[in-house]
């Protein structure tokens, strides 16, 4: 809706999104390959990053990370990143781990 409201093709939104993810430090009005008429409104109406990591704890057991994120409104949420290989778990191994 934002890009169409400024007379720009919706296909530019994908380019903006990909660039922000790959280059979060880039000012929004300096994203390459977007129409000039959208640069100023993009910078004025959006912020690339509005959340911040305020705490990180790593498990010494399995490398799991617990993050505390502060949101734009000041609220905080926890996120847990679980590291795994992507391989199916061996049921026999799980039993062995539980039984010592």
N, C-alpha and C. Protein backbone atom coordinates (compact mmCIF):
# COMPACT_ATOMS: atom_id res chain seq x y z
N UNK A 1 0.83 -1.19 0.00
CA UNK A 1 0.00 0.00 0.00
C UNK A 1 0.87 1.26 0.00
N UNK A 2 2.00 1.23 0.75
CA UNK A 2 2.86 2.41 0.83
C UNK A 2 3.41 2.78 -0.55
N UNK A 3 3.98 1.81 -1.25
CA UNK A 3 4.61 2.14 -2.54
C UNK A 3 3.56 2.56 -3.56
N UNK A 4 2.44 1.87 -3.62
CA UNK A 4 1.38 2.24 -4.56
C UNK A 4 0.84 3.63 -4.23
N UNK A 5 0.72 3.94 -2.95
CA UNK A 5 0.25 5.26 -2.53
C UNK A 5 1.18 6.38 -2.96
N UNK A 6 2.42 6.05 -3.23
CA UNK A 6 3.39 7.04 -3.70
C UNK A 6 3.67 6.89 -5.20
N UNK A 7 2.79 6.16 -5.89
CA UNK A 7 2.89 6.04 -7.34
C UNK A 7 4.05 5.18 -7.82
N UNK A 8 4.43 4.20 -7.02
CA UNK A 8 5.57 3.34 -7.36
C UNK A 8 5.07 1.89 -7.47
N UNK A 9 5.65 1.15 -8.40
CA UNK A 9 5.25 -0.25 -8.60
C UNK A 9 5.55 -1.08 -7.34
N UNK A 10 4.63 -1.99 -6.99
CA UNK A 10 4.83 -2.85 -5.81
C UNK A 10 6.10 -3.70 -5.89
N UNK A 11 6.59 -3.96 -7.08
CA UNK A 11 7.80 -4.78 -7.22
C UNK A 11 9.02 -4.15 -6.54
N UNK A 12 8.99 -2.86 -6.30
CA UNK A 12 10.12 -2.20 -5.62
C UNK A 12 10.19 -2.57 -4.14
N UNK A 13 9.07 -3.00 -3.56
CA UNK A 13 9.07 -3.34 -2.14
C UNK A 13 10.01 -4.51 -1.87
N UNK A 14 10.04 -5.50 -2.76
CA UNK A 14 10.96 -6.63 -2.60
C UNK A 14 12.41 -6.18 -2.60
N UNK A 15 12.73 -5.27 -3.48
CA UNK A 15 14.11 -4.76 -3.56
C UNK A 15 14.48 -4.02 -2.27
N UNK A 16 13.54 -3.23 -1.77
CA UNK A 16 13.78 -2.48 -0.52
C UNK A 16 14.00 -3.47 0.63
N UNK A 17 13.12 -4.45 0.75
CA UNK A 17 13.18 -5.43 1.83
C UNK A 17 14.51 -6.19 1.80
N UNK A 18 14.90 -6.69 0.63
CA UNK A 18 16.15 -7.44 0.51
C UNK A 18 17.36 -6.58 0.86
N UNK A 19 17.34 -5.33 0.43
CA UNK A 19 18.47 -4.44 0.70
C UNK A 19 18.58 -4.14 2.20
N UNK A 20 17.45 -3.89 2.84
CA UNK A 20 17.47 -3.59 4.28
C UNK A 20 18.00 -4.79 5.06
N UNK A 21 17.59 -5.99 4.68
CA UNK A 21 18.08 -7.18 5.38
C UNK A 21 19.58 -7.40 5.17
N UNK A 22 20.05 -7.15 3.96
CA UNK A 22 21.47 -7.36 3.65
C UNK A 22 22.36 -6.22 4.14
N UNK A 23 21.80 -5.01 4.23
CA UNK A 23 22.58 -3.81 4.59
C UNK A 23 21.80 -2.96 5.60
N UNK A 24 21.61 -3.44 6.83
CA UNK A 24 20.78 -2.70 7.79
C UNK A 24 21.32 -1.32 8.15
N UNK A 25 22.60 -1.09 7.91
CA UNK A 25 23.19 0.21 8.23
C UNK A 25 22.94 1.26 7.16
N UNK A 26 22.44 0.86 6.01
CA UNK A 26 22.21 1.77 4.88
C UNK A 26 20.99 2.65 5.14
N UNK A 27 21.13 3.97 5.05
CA UNK A 27 19.96 4.84 5.19
C UNK A 27 18.90 4.49 4.14
N UNK A 28 17.63 4.52 4.54
CA UNK A 28 16.56 4.10 3.64
C UNK A 28 16.48 4.94 2.37
N UNK A 29 16.86 6.19 2.44
CA UNK A 29 16.80 7.02 1.23
C UNK A 29 18.00 6.83 0.31
N UNK A 30 18.90 5.92 0.68
CA UNK A 30 20.07 5.65 -0.16
C UNK A 30 20.05 4.24 -0.76
N UNK A 31 18.93 3.56 -0.66
CA UNK A 31 18.81 2.22 -1.23
C UNK A 31 18.93 2.34 -2.75
N UNK A 32 19.84 1.59 -3.36
CA UNK A 32 20.02 1.70 -4.81
C UNK A 32 18.86 1.08 -5.58
N UNK A 33 18.58 1.65 -6.74
CA UNK A 33 17.62 1.06 -7.66
C UNK A 33 16.16 1.31 -7.35
N UNK A 34 15.87 2.27 -6.47
CA UNK A 34 14.46 2.59 -6.22
C UNK A 34 14.17 3.99 -6.77
N UNK A 35 12.92 4.26 -7.13
CA UNK A 35 12.58 5.57 -7.70
C UNK A 35 12.85 6.71 -6.72
N UNK A 36 13.33 7.81 -7.23
CA UNK A 36 13.64 8.98 -6.39
C UNK A 36 12.43 9.47 -5.61
N UNK A 37 11.25 9.39 -6.19
CA UNK A 37 10.06 9.95 -5.52
C UNK A 37 9.67 9.20 -4.25
N UNK A 38 10.24 8.03 -4.05
CA UNK A 38 9.91 7.28 -2.83
C UNK A 38 10.98 7.42 -1.74
N UNK A 39 12.12 7.97 -2.07
CA UNK A 39 13.23 8.05 -1.12
C UNK A 39 12.89 8.85 0.14
N UNK A 40 12.43 10.07 -0.02
CA UNK A 40 12.13 10.91 1.15
C UNK A 40 11.01 10.31 2.01
N UNK A 41 9.86 9.90 1.41
CA UNK A 41 8.81 9.32 2.26
C UNK A 41 9.27 8.04 2.97
N UNK A 42 10.10 7.27 2.31
CA UNK A 42 10.61 6.03 2.92
C UNK A 42 11.42 6.36 4.17
N UNK A 43 12.29 7.35 4.06
CA UNK A 43 13.12 7.75 5.19
C UNK A 43 12.28 8.37 6.31
N UNK A 44 11.28 9.15 5.95
CA UNK A 44 10.47 9.84 6.95
C UNK A 44 9.47 8.94 7.66
N UNK A 45 8.97 7.93 6.97
CA UNK A 45 7.87 7.14 7.52
C UNK A 45 8.27 5.78 8.08
N UNK A 46 9.51 5.36 7.83
CA UNK A 46 9.94 4.03 8.27
C UNK A 46 11.27 4.08 8.99
N UNK A 47 11.48 3.08 9.82
CA UNK A 47 12.77 2.85 10.47
C UNK A 47 13.17 1.42 10.17
N UNK A 48 14.40 1.22 9.76
CA UNK A 48 14.85 -0.12 9.39
C UNK A 48 14.90 -1.03 10.61
N UNK A 49 15.42 -0.54 11.70
CA UNK A 49 15.55 -1.35 12.92
C UNK A 49 14.93 -0.61 14.08
N UNK A 50 13.95 -1.22 14.72
CA UNK A 50 13.30 -0.57 15.85
C UNK A 50 13.45 -1.38 17.13
N UNK A 51 14.06 -2.54 17.06
CA UNK A 51 14.28 -3.38 18.23
C UNK A 51 15.77 -3.50 18.48
N UNK A 52 16.11 -3.81 19.73
CA UNK A 52 17.53 -3.95 20.08
C UNK A 52 17.71 -5.15 21.02
N UNK A 53 18.82 -5.84 20.86
CA UNK A 53 19.17 -6.93 21.76
C UNK A 53 19.76 -6.31 23.02
N UNK A 54 19.16 -6.62 24.19
CA UNK A 54 19.66 -6.05 25.44
C UNK A 54 20.35 -7.08 26.32
N UNK A 55 20.13 -8.36 26.02
CA UNK A 55 20.81 -9.40 26.80
C UNK A 55 20.91 -10.68 25.98
N UNK A 56 22.05 -11.36 26.10
CA UNK A 56 22.26 -12.65 25.44
C UNK A 56 22.87 -13.60 26.46
N UNK A 57 22.26 -14.78 26.57
CA UNK A 57 22.83 -15.83 27.43
C UNK A 57 22.94 -17.09 26.60
N UNK A 58 24.10 -17.76 26.69
CA UNK A 58 24.32 -18.99 25.94
C UNK A 58 24.44 -20.16 26.90
N UNK A 59 23.72 -21.23 26.57
CA UNK A 59 23.79 -22.45 27.37
C UNK A 59 25.14 -23.12 27.15
N UNK A 60 25.78 -23.53 28.23
CA UNK A 60 27.04 -24.26 28.12
C UNK A 60 26.82 -25.70 27.72
N UNK A 61 25.59 -26.16 27.77
CA UNK A 61 25.27 -27.55 27.46
C UNK A 61 25.14 -27.78 25.95
N UNK A 62 24.28 -26.98 25.30
CA UNK A 62 23.99 -27.25 23.89
C UNK A 62 24.11 -26.03 22.98
N UNK A 63 24.58 -24.90 23.51
CA UNK A 63 24.75 -23.71 22.67
C UNK A 63 23.47 -22.94 22.43
N UNK A 64 22.37 -23.34 23.05
CA UNK A 64 21.11 -22.61 22.91
C UNK A 64 21.32 -21.17 23.39
N UNK A 65 20.76 -20.22 22.65
CA UNK A 65 20.86 -18.81 23.01
C UNK A 65 19.52 -18.29 23.49
N UNK A 66 19.54 -17.55 24.59
CA UNK A 66 18.34 -16.85 25.05
C UNK A 66 18.62 -15.36 24.90
N UNK A 67 17.75 -14.68 24.17
CA UNK A 67 17.91 -13.25 23.91
C UNK A 67 16.77 -12.48 24.57
N UNK A 68 17.07 -11.33 25.09
CA UNK A 68 16.05 -10.39 25.53
C UNK A 68 16.10 -9.23 24.54
N UNK A 69 14.97 -8.95 23.91
CA UNK A 69 14.88 -7.90 22.90
C UNK A 69 14.00 -6.77 23.42
N UNK A 70 14.47 -5.53 23.26
CA UNK A 70 13.66 -4.37 23.62
C UNK A 70 12.98 -3.86 22.36
N UNK A 71 11.68 -3.76 22.41
CA UNK A 71 10.89 -3.33 21.26
C UNK A 71 10.78 -1.81 21.21
N UNK A 72 10.25 -1.32 20.11
CA UNK A 72 10.14 0.11 19.88
C UNK A 72 9.36 0.81 21.00
N UNK A 73 8.35 0.14 21.55
CA UNK A 73 7.53 0.75 22.60
C UNK A 73 8.12 0.61 24.00
N UNK A 74 9.34 0.02 24.10
CA UNK A 74 9.99 -0.14 25.38
C UNK A 74 9.74 -1.49 26.04
N UNK A 75 8.76 -2.23 25.54
CA UNK A 75 8.50 -3.56 26.06
C UNK A 75 9.63 -4.51 25.71
N UNK A 76 9.75 -5.58 26.48
CA UNK A 76 10.80 -6.56 26.21
C UNK A 76 10.19 -7.94 26.01
N UNK A 77 10.81 -8.70 25.12
CA UNK A 77 10.39 -10.08 24.86
C UNK A 77 11.62 -10.97 24.87
N UNK A 78 11.39 -12.25 25.19
CA UNK A 78 12.47 -13.23 25.15
C UNK A 78 12.34 -14.06 23.90
N UNK A 79 13.48 -14.41 23.34
CA UNK A 79 13.52 -15.30 22.19
C UNK A 79 14.57 -16.36 22.49
N UNK A 80 14.31 -17.58 22.06
CA UNK A 80 15.26 -18.67 22.28
C UNK A 80 15.64 -19.24 20.93
N UNK A 81 16.94 -19.31 20.67
CA UNK A 81 17.47 -19.89 19.44
C UNK A 81 18.08 -21.24 19.79
N UNK A 82 17.48 -22.29 19.25
CA UNK A 82 17.94 -23.64 19.55
C UNK A 82 18.78 -24.13 18.38
N UNK A 83 19.99 -24.51 18.69
CA UNK A 83 20.89 -25.02 17.64
C UNK A 83 20.64 -26.51 17.47
N UNK A 84 20.51 -26.93 16.23
CA UNK A 84 20.39 -28.35 15.94
C UNK A 84 20.94 -28.61 14.56
N UNK A 85 21.18 -29.86 14.26
CA UNK A 85 21.82 -30.23 13.00
C UNK A 85 20.84 -30.32 11.86
N UNK A 86 19.55 -30.45 12.17
CA UNK A 86 18.57 -30.63 11.12
C UNK A 86 18.35 -32.10 10.80
N UNK A 87 19.16 -32.95 11.40
CA UNK A 87 19.02 -34.39 11.19
C UNK A 87 17.94 -34.93 12.11
N UNK A 88 17.20 -35.95 11.66
CA UNK A 88 16.21 -36.56 12.54
C UNK A 88 16.89 -37.13 13.78
N UNK A 89 16.20 -37.02 14.90
CA UNK A 89 16.76 -37.52 16.15
C UNK A 89 16.65 -39.04 16.20
N UNK A 90 17.66 -39.69 16.72
CA UNK A 90 17.68 -41.15 16.87
C UNK A 90 16.94 -41.50 18.16
N UNK A 91 15.78 -42.21 18.06
CA UNK A 91 15.01 -42.52 19.26
C UNK A 91 15.80 -43.35 20.28
N UNK A 92 16.69 -44.23 19.84
CA UNK A 92 17.48 -45.03 20.77
C UNK A 92 18.44 -44.14 21.56
N UNK A 93 18.99 -43.15 20.91
CA UNK A 93 19.92 -42.24 21.57
C UNK A 93 19.18 -41.41 22.64
N UNK A 94 17.97 -40.97 22.32
CA UNK A 94 17.18 -40.19 23.30
C UNK A 94 16.95 -41.02 24.55
N UNK A 95 16.62 -42.30 24.38
CA UNK A 95 16.38 -43.19 25.53
C UNK A 95 17.67 -43.32 26.35
N UNK A 96 18.78 -43.49 25.66
CA UNK A 96 20.06 -43.64 26.36
C UNK A 96 20.40 -42.37 27.13
N UNK A 97 20.13 -41.21 26.55
CA UNK A 97 20.40 -39.94 27.23
C UNK A 97 19.56 -39.79 28.49
N UNK A 98 18.31 -40.22 28.43
CA UNK A 98 17.41 -40.10 29.59
C UNK A 98 17.83 -41.07 30.71
N UNK A 99 18.35 -42.23 30.32
CA UNK A 99 18.66 -43.26 31.33
C UNK A 99 20.08 -43.17 31.85
N UNK A 100 20.85 -42.28 31.33
CA UNK A 100 22.19 -42.08 31.84
C UNK A 100 23.17 -42.92 31.14
